[in-house]
Amino acid sequence: VELDSRTVGELATSFGGALIRPDDIRYEEQRRIWNGSIDRRPALIARCAGVAEVISAVRFARHHEQLVAVRSGRHSYPGLGVCDGGMVIDLGQMKGIRVDPQARIARAQAGVLLGELDREAQAFGCAVPAGIVTHTGLAGLTLGGGSAGSSASTA
């Protein structure tokens, strides 16, 4: 389903993050991922600032039958954090981390990179048993079943 300006404008009225289309000056940089050999061109990149934007983006994509790629750290080797012609839901701005040193539990938003989580946990004498590539996003690692290079991952 084609996303015209009017359709994207409907989402923009209730979306607090950035909506980036191919004619946007930020598009070329925002569509790129870590693996430079991947050259996909989404119809829309929804840069979510919080949970409300994620919900809006998912509902919009479902309603308009859009192919969706979820991205947090841009690390996915097979490039599953970006798609051709669909919608990228970019979680990279969602960086909140809370460490409870008493309970030894960390809570982190989907855009947090593993290196960022490690740094916060280490400040409290804790370690996080997760992936090994510091610039992998939590959403990609989680969706990939714990492996940043997994064929099922999105980063």
C-alpha atoms as a PDB file:
ATOM      1  CA  VAL A   1       0.000   0.000   0.000  1.00  0.00           C
ATOM      2  CA  GLU A   2       1.432   3.363  -1.076  1.00  0.00           C
ATOM      3  CA  LEU A   3       1.919   6.013   1.600  1.00  0.00           C
ATOM      4  CA  ASP A   4       0.994   9.394   0.219  1.00  0.00           C
ATOM      5  CA  SER A   5       1.555  12.715   1.994  1.00  0.00           C
ATOM      6  CA  ARG A   6      -2.028  12.915   3.218  1.00  0.00           C
ATOM      7  CA  THR A   7      -1.837   9.449   4.786  1.00  0.00           C
ATOM      8  CA  VAL A   8       1.469  10.217   6.524  1.00  0.00           C
ATOM      9  CA  GLY A   9       0.034  13.589   7.575  1.00  0.00           C
ATOM     10  CA  GLU A  10      -2.718  11.762   9.472  1.00  0.00           C
ATOM     11  CA  LEU A  11      -0.063   9.968  11.527  1.00  0.00           C
ATOM     12  CA  ALA A  12       1.909  13.188  12.022  1.00  0.00           C
ATOM     13  CA  THR A  13      -0.966  14.866  13.865  1.00  0.00           C
ATOM     14  CA  SER A  14      -0.619  12.448  16.790  1.00  0.00           C
ATOM     15  CA  PHE A  15       3.043  11.451  16.513  1.00  0.00           C
ATOM     16  CA  GLY A  16       5.553  13.099  18.848  1.00  0.00           C
ATOM     17  CA  GLY A  17       8.669  11.682  17.164  1.00  0.00           C
ATOM     18  CA  ALA A  18      10.061  12.373  13.697  1.00  0.00           C
ATOM     19  CA  LEU A  19       8.537  10.999  10.494  1.00  0.00           C
ATOM     20  CA  ILE A  20      11.115  10.825   7.728  1.00  0.00           C
ATOM     21  CA  ARG A  21      10.174  10.279   4.081  1.00  0.00           C
ATOM     22  CA  PRO A  22      12.434   9.874   1.031  1.00  0.00           C
ATOM     23  CA  ASP A  23      12.220  13.602   0.198  1.00  0.00           C
ATOM     24  CA  ASP A  24      13.465  14.577   3.692  1.00  0.00           C
ATOM     25  CA  ILE A  25      17.042  15.894   3.928  1.00  0.00           C
ATOM     26  CA  ARG A  26      17.667  13.439   6.828  1.00  0.00           C
ATOM     27  CA  TYR A  27      16.489  10.394   4.859  1.00  0.00           C
ATOM     28  CA  GLU A  28      19.813   9.172   3.422  1.00  0.00           C
ATOM     29  CA  GLU A  29      21.500   9.149   6.818  1.00  0.00           C
ATOM     30  CA  GLN A  30      18.491   7.727   8.652  1.00  0.00           C
ATOM     31  CA  ARG A  31      17.958   4.777   6.305  1.00  0.00           C
ATOM     32  CA  ARG A  32      21.555   3.539   6.624  1.00  0.00           C
ATOM     33  CA  ILE A  33      22.606   0.739   8.941  1.00  0.00           C
ATOM     34  CA  TRP A  34      25.920  -0.674  10.182  1.00  0.00           C
ATOM     35  CA  ASN A  35      26.295  -3.133   7.278  1.00  0.00           C
ATOM     36  CA  GLY A  36      27.047  -0.738   4.426  1.00  0.00           C
ATOM     37  CA  SER A  37      26.320  -3.377   1.774  1.00  0.00           C
ATOM     38  CA  ILE A  38      22.616  -3.216   2.677  1.00  0.00           C
ATOM     39  CA  ASP A  39      20.916  -0.528   0.567  1.00  0.00           C
ATOM     40  CA  ARG A  40      17.205  -0.591   1.353  1.00  0.00           C
ATOM     41  CA  ARG A  41      14.814   2.318   0.937  1.00  0.00           C
ATOM     42  CA  PRO A  42      11.806   2.415   3.242  1.00  0.00           C
ATOM     43  CA  ALA A  43       8.784   4.536   2.384  1.00  0.00           C
ATOM     44  CA  LEU A  44       8.712   5.940   5.913  1.00  0.00           C
ATOM     45  CA  ILE A  45      10.985   6.007   8.956  1.00  0.00           C
ATOM     46  CA  ALA A  46       9.168   6.624  12.237  1.00  0.00           C
ATOM     47  CA  ARG A  47      11.687   7.735  14.876  1.00  0.00           C
ATOM     48  CA  CYS A  48       9.891   7.043  18.123  1.00  0.00           C
ATOM     49  CA  ALA A  49      10.616   9.148  21.200  1.00  0.00           C
ATOM     50  CA  GLY A  50       8.509   7.026  23.526  1.00  0.00           C
ATOM     51  CA  VAL A  51       6.022   4.217  23.921  1.00  0.00           C
ATOM     52  CA  ALA A  52       3.082   6.287  22.625  1.00  0.00           C
ATOM     53  CA  GLU A  53       4.876   6.771  19.294  1.00  0.00           C
ATOM     54  CA  VAL A  54       5.633   3.034  19.047  1.00  0.00           C
ATOM     55  CA  ILE A  55       1.960   2.241  19.576  1.00  0.00           C
ATOM     56  CA  SER A  56       0.913   4.849  16.992  1.00  0.00           C
ATOM     57  CA  ALA A  57       3.471   3.585  14.462  1.00  0.00           C
ATOM     58  CA  VAL A  58       2.444  -0.064  14.853  1.00  0.00           C
ATOM     59  CA  ARG A  59      -1.256   0.784  14.552  1.00  0.00           C
ATOM     60  CA  PHE A  60      -0.585   2.954  11.505  1.00  0.00           C
ATOM     61  CA  ALA A  61       1.476   0.220   9.815  1.00  0.00           C
ATOM     62  CA  ARG A  62      -1.162  -2.417  10.533  1.00  0.00           C
ATOM     63  CA  HIS A  63      -4.003  -0.195   9.315  1.00  0.00           C
ATOM     64  CA  HIS A  64      -2.144   0.650   6.093  1.00  0.00           C
ATOM     65  CA  GLU A  65      -0.802  -2.897   5.572  1.00  0.00           C
ATOM     66  CA  GLN A  66       2.831  -1.799   5.663  1.00  0.00           C
ATOM     67  CA  LEU A  67       5.826  -4.091   5.809  1.00  0.00           C
ATOM     68  CA  VAL A  68       7.614  -3.185   9.064  1.00  0.00           C
ATOM     69  CA  ALA A  69      11.232  -3.355  10.174  1.00  0.00           C
ATOM     70  CA  VAL A  70      12.128  -2.583  13.793  1.00  0.00           C
ATOM     71  CA  ARG A  71      15.442  -0.876  14.446  1.00  0.00           C
ATOM     72  CA  SER A  72      17.191   0.138  17.633  1.00  0.00           C
ATOM     73  CA  GLY A  73      20.952   0.022  17.128  1.00  0.00           C
ATOM     74  CA  ARG A  74      21.327  -0.394  13.352  1.00  0.00           C
ATOM     75  CA  HIS A  75      23.656  -3.359  13.838  1.00  0.00           C
ATOM     76  CA  SER A  76      21.831  -6.319  12.215  1.00  0.00           C
ATOM     77  CA  TYR A  77      24.335  -7.927   9.853  1.00  0.00           C
ATOM     78  CA  PRO A  78      21.625  -9.227   7.465  1.00  0.00           C
ATOM     79  CA  GLY A  79      20.001  -5.773   7.469  1.00  0.00           C
ATOM     80  CA  LEU A  80      16.679  -6.732   8.997  1.00  0.00           C
ATOM     81  CA  GLY A  81      16.344  -3.352  10.726  1.00  0.00           C
ATOM     82  CA  VAL A  82      15.466  -1.714   7.395  1.00  0.00           C
ATOM     83  CA  CYS A  83      13.118  -2.675   4.563  1.00  0.00           C
ATOM     84  CA  ASP A  84      12.354  -1.651   1.005  1.00  0.00           C
ATOM     85  CA  GLY A  85       9.092   0.219   0.503  1.00  0.00           C
ATOM     86  CA  GLY A  86       7.763  -0.356   4.018  1.00  0.00           C
ATOM     87  CA  MET A  87       8.029   1.367   7.347  1.00  0.00           C
ATOM     88  CA  VAL A  88      11.014   1.409   9.701  1.00  0.00           C
ATOM     89  CA  ILE A  89      10.037   1.817  13.339  1.00  0.00           C
ATOM     90  CA  ASP A  90      13.200   3.304  14.810  1.00  0.00           C
ATOM     91  CA  LEU A  91      13.514   2.873  18.576  1.00  0.00           C
ATOM     92  CA  GLY A  92      17.004   4.396  18.763  1.00  0.00           C
ATOM     93  CA  GLN A  93      15.928   7.458  20.762  1.00  0.00           C
ATOM     94  CA  MET A  94      14.413   5.378  23.552  1.00  0.00           C
ATOM     95  CA  LYS A  95      17.455   5.297  25.858  1.00  0.00           C
ATOM     96  CA  GLY A  96      16.103   5.075  29.412  1.00  0.00           C
ATOM     97  CA  ILE A  97      17.982   2.756  31.809  1.00  0.00           C
ATOM     98  CA  ARG A  98      17.269   2.082  35.488  1.00  0.00           C
ATOM     99  CA  VAL A  99      19.423  -0.204  37.590  1.00  0.00           C
ATOM    100  CA  ASP A 100      18.182  -1.484  40.948  1.00  0.00           C
ATOM    101  CA  PRO A 101      21.378  -2.623  42.663  1.00  0.00           C
ATOM    102  CA  GLN A 102      19.484  -4.159  45.628  1.00  0.00           C
ATOM    103  CA  ALA A 103      17.332  -6.390  43.418  1.00  0.00           C
ATOM    104  CA  ARG A 104      20.148  -6.690  40.840  1.00  0.00           C
ATOM    105  CA  ILE A 105      17.683  -5.895  38.057  1.00  0.00           C
ATOM    106  CA  ALA A 106      18.110  -3.496  35.156  1.00  0.00           C
ATOM    107  CA  ARG A 107      15.239  -2.068  33.140  1.00  0.00           C
ATOM    108  CA  ALA A 108      16.069  -0.551  29.790  1.00  0.00           C
ATOM    109  CA  GLN A 109      14.157   0.873  26.868  1.00  0.00           C
ATOM    110  CA  ALA A 110      14.405  -0.693  23.421  1.00  0.00           C
ATOM    111  CA  GLY A 111      16.823   1.860  21.925  1.00  0.00           C
ATOM    112  CA  VAL A 112      19.559   1.228  24.477  1.00  0.00           C
ATOM    113  CA  LEU A 113      22.771  -0.234  23.062  1.00  0.00           C
ATOM    114  CA  LEU A 114      24.474  -3.104  24.869  1.00  0.00           C
ATOM    115  CA  GLY A 115      27.519  -0.949  25.668  1.00  0.00           C
ATOM    116  CA  GLU A 116      25.271   1.675  27.255  1.00  0.00           C
ATOM    117  CA  LEU A 117      23.529  -0.965  29.371  1.00  0.00           C
ATOM    118  CA  ASP A 118      26.878  -2.478  30.383  1.00  0.00           C
ATOM    119  CA  ARG A 119      28.207   0.923  31.474  1.00  0.00           C
ATOM    120  CA  GLU A 120      25.173   1.619  33.682  1.00  0.00           C
ATOM    121  CA  ALA A 121      25.145  -1.872  35.205  1.00  0.00           C
ATOM    122  CA  GLN A 122      28.883  -1.795  35.911  1.00  0.00           C
ATOM    123  CA  ALA A 123      28.483   1.466  37.840  1.00  0.00           C
ATOM    124  CA  PHE A 124      26.522  -0.618  40.387  1.00  0.00           C
ATOM    125  CA  GLY A 125      28.873  -3.606  40.316  1.00  0.00           C
ATOM    126  CA  CYS A 126      26.536  -5.609  38.097  1.00  0.00           C
ATOM    127  CA  ALA A 127      26.923  -7.334  34.752  1.00  0.00           C
ATOM    128  CA  VAL A 128      24.331  -8.047  32.063  1.00  0.00           C
ATOM    129  CA  PRO A 129      24.446 -11.483  30.391  1.00  0.00           C
ATOM    130  CA  ALA A 130      23.588 -10.372  26.882  1.00  0.00           C
ATOM    131  CA  GLY A 131      25.232 -10.144  23.458  1.00  0.00           C
ATOM    132  CA  ILE A 132      28.872  -9.290  22.845  1.00  0.00           C
ATOM    133  CA  VAL A 133      28.749  -6.431  20.318  1.00  0.00           C
ATOM    134  CA  THR A 134      28.514  -3.147  22.233  1.00  0.00           C
ATOM    135  CA  HIS A 135      26.707  -1.237  19.470  1.00  0.00           C
ATOM    136  CA  THR A 136      23.866  -3.768  19.157  1.00  0.00           C
ATOM    137  CA  GLY A 137      20.467  -2.421  20.213  1.00  0.00           C
ATOM    138  CA  LEU A 138      18.402  -4.235  22.810  1.00  0.00           C
ATOM    139  CA  ALA A 139      15.362  -4.489  20.533  1.00  0.00           C
ATOM    140  CA  GLY A 140      17.373  -6.209  17.811  1.00  0.00           C
ATOM    141  CA  LEU A 141      19.074  -8.544  20.239  1.00  0.00           C
ATOM    142  CA  THR A 142      15.758  -9.443  21.862  1.00  0.00           C
ATOM    143  CA  LEU A 143      13.908  -9.956  18.578  1.00  0.00           C
ATOM    144  CA  GLY A 144      16.837 -12.004  17.275  1.00  0.00           C
ATOM    145  CA  GLY A 145      16.607 -14.490  20.125  1.00  0.00           C
ATOM    146  CA  GLY A 146      19.774 -13.232  21.811  1.00  0.00           C
ATOM    147  CA  SER A 147      22.050 -13.270  18.783  1.00  0.00           C
ATOM    148  CA  ALA A 148      22.900 -10.002  17.046  1.00  0.00           C
ATOM    149  CA  GLY A 149      23.721 -11.849  13.836  1.00  0.00           C
ATOM    150  CA  SER A 150      20.697 -14.148  13.894  1.00  0.00           C
ATOM    151  CA  SER A 151      18.752 -14.412  10.666  1.00  0.00           C
ATOM    152  CA  ALA A 152      15.617 -13.639  12.663  1.00  0.00           C
ATOM    153  CA  SER A 153      16.954 -10.453  14.187  1.00  0.00           C
ATOM    154  CA  THR A 154      15.994  -6.895  13.624  1.00  0.00           C
ATOM    155  CA  ALA A 155      18.303  -4.243  14.870  1.00  0.00           C
END
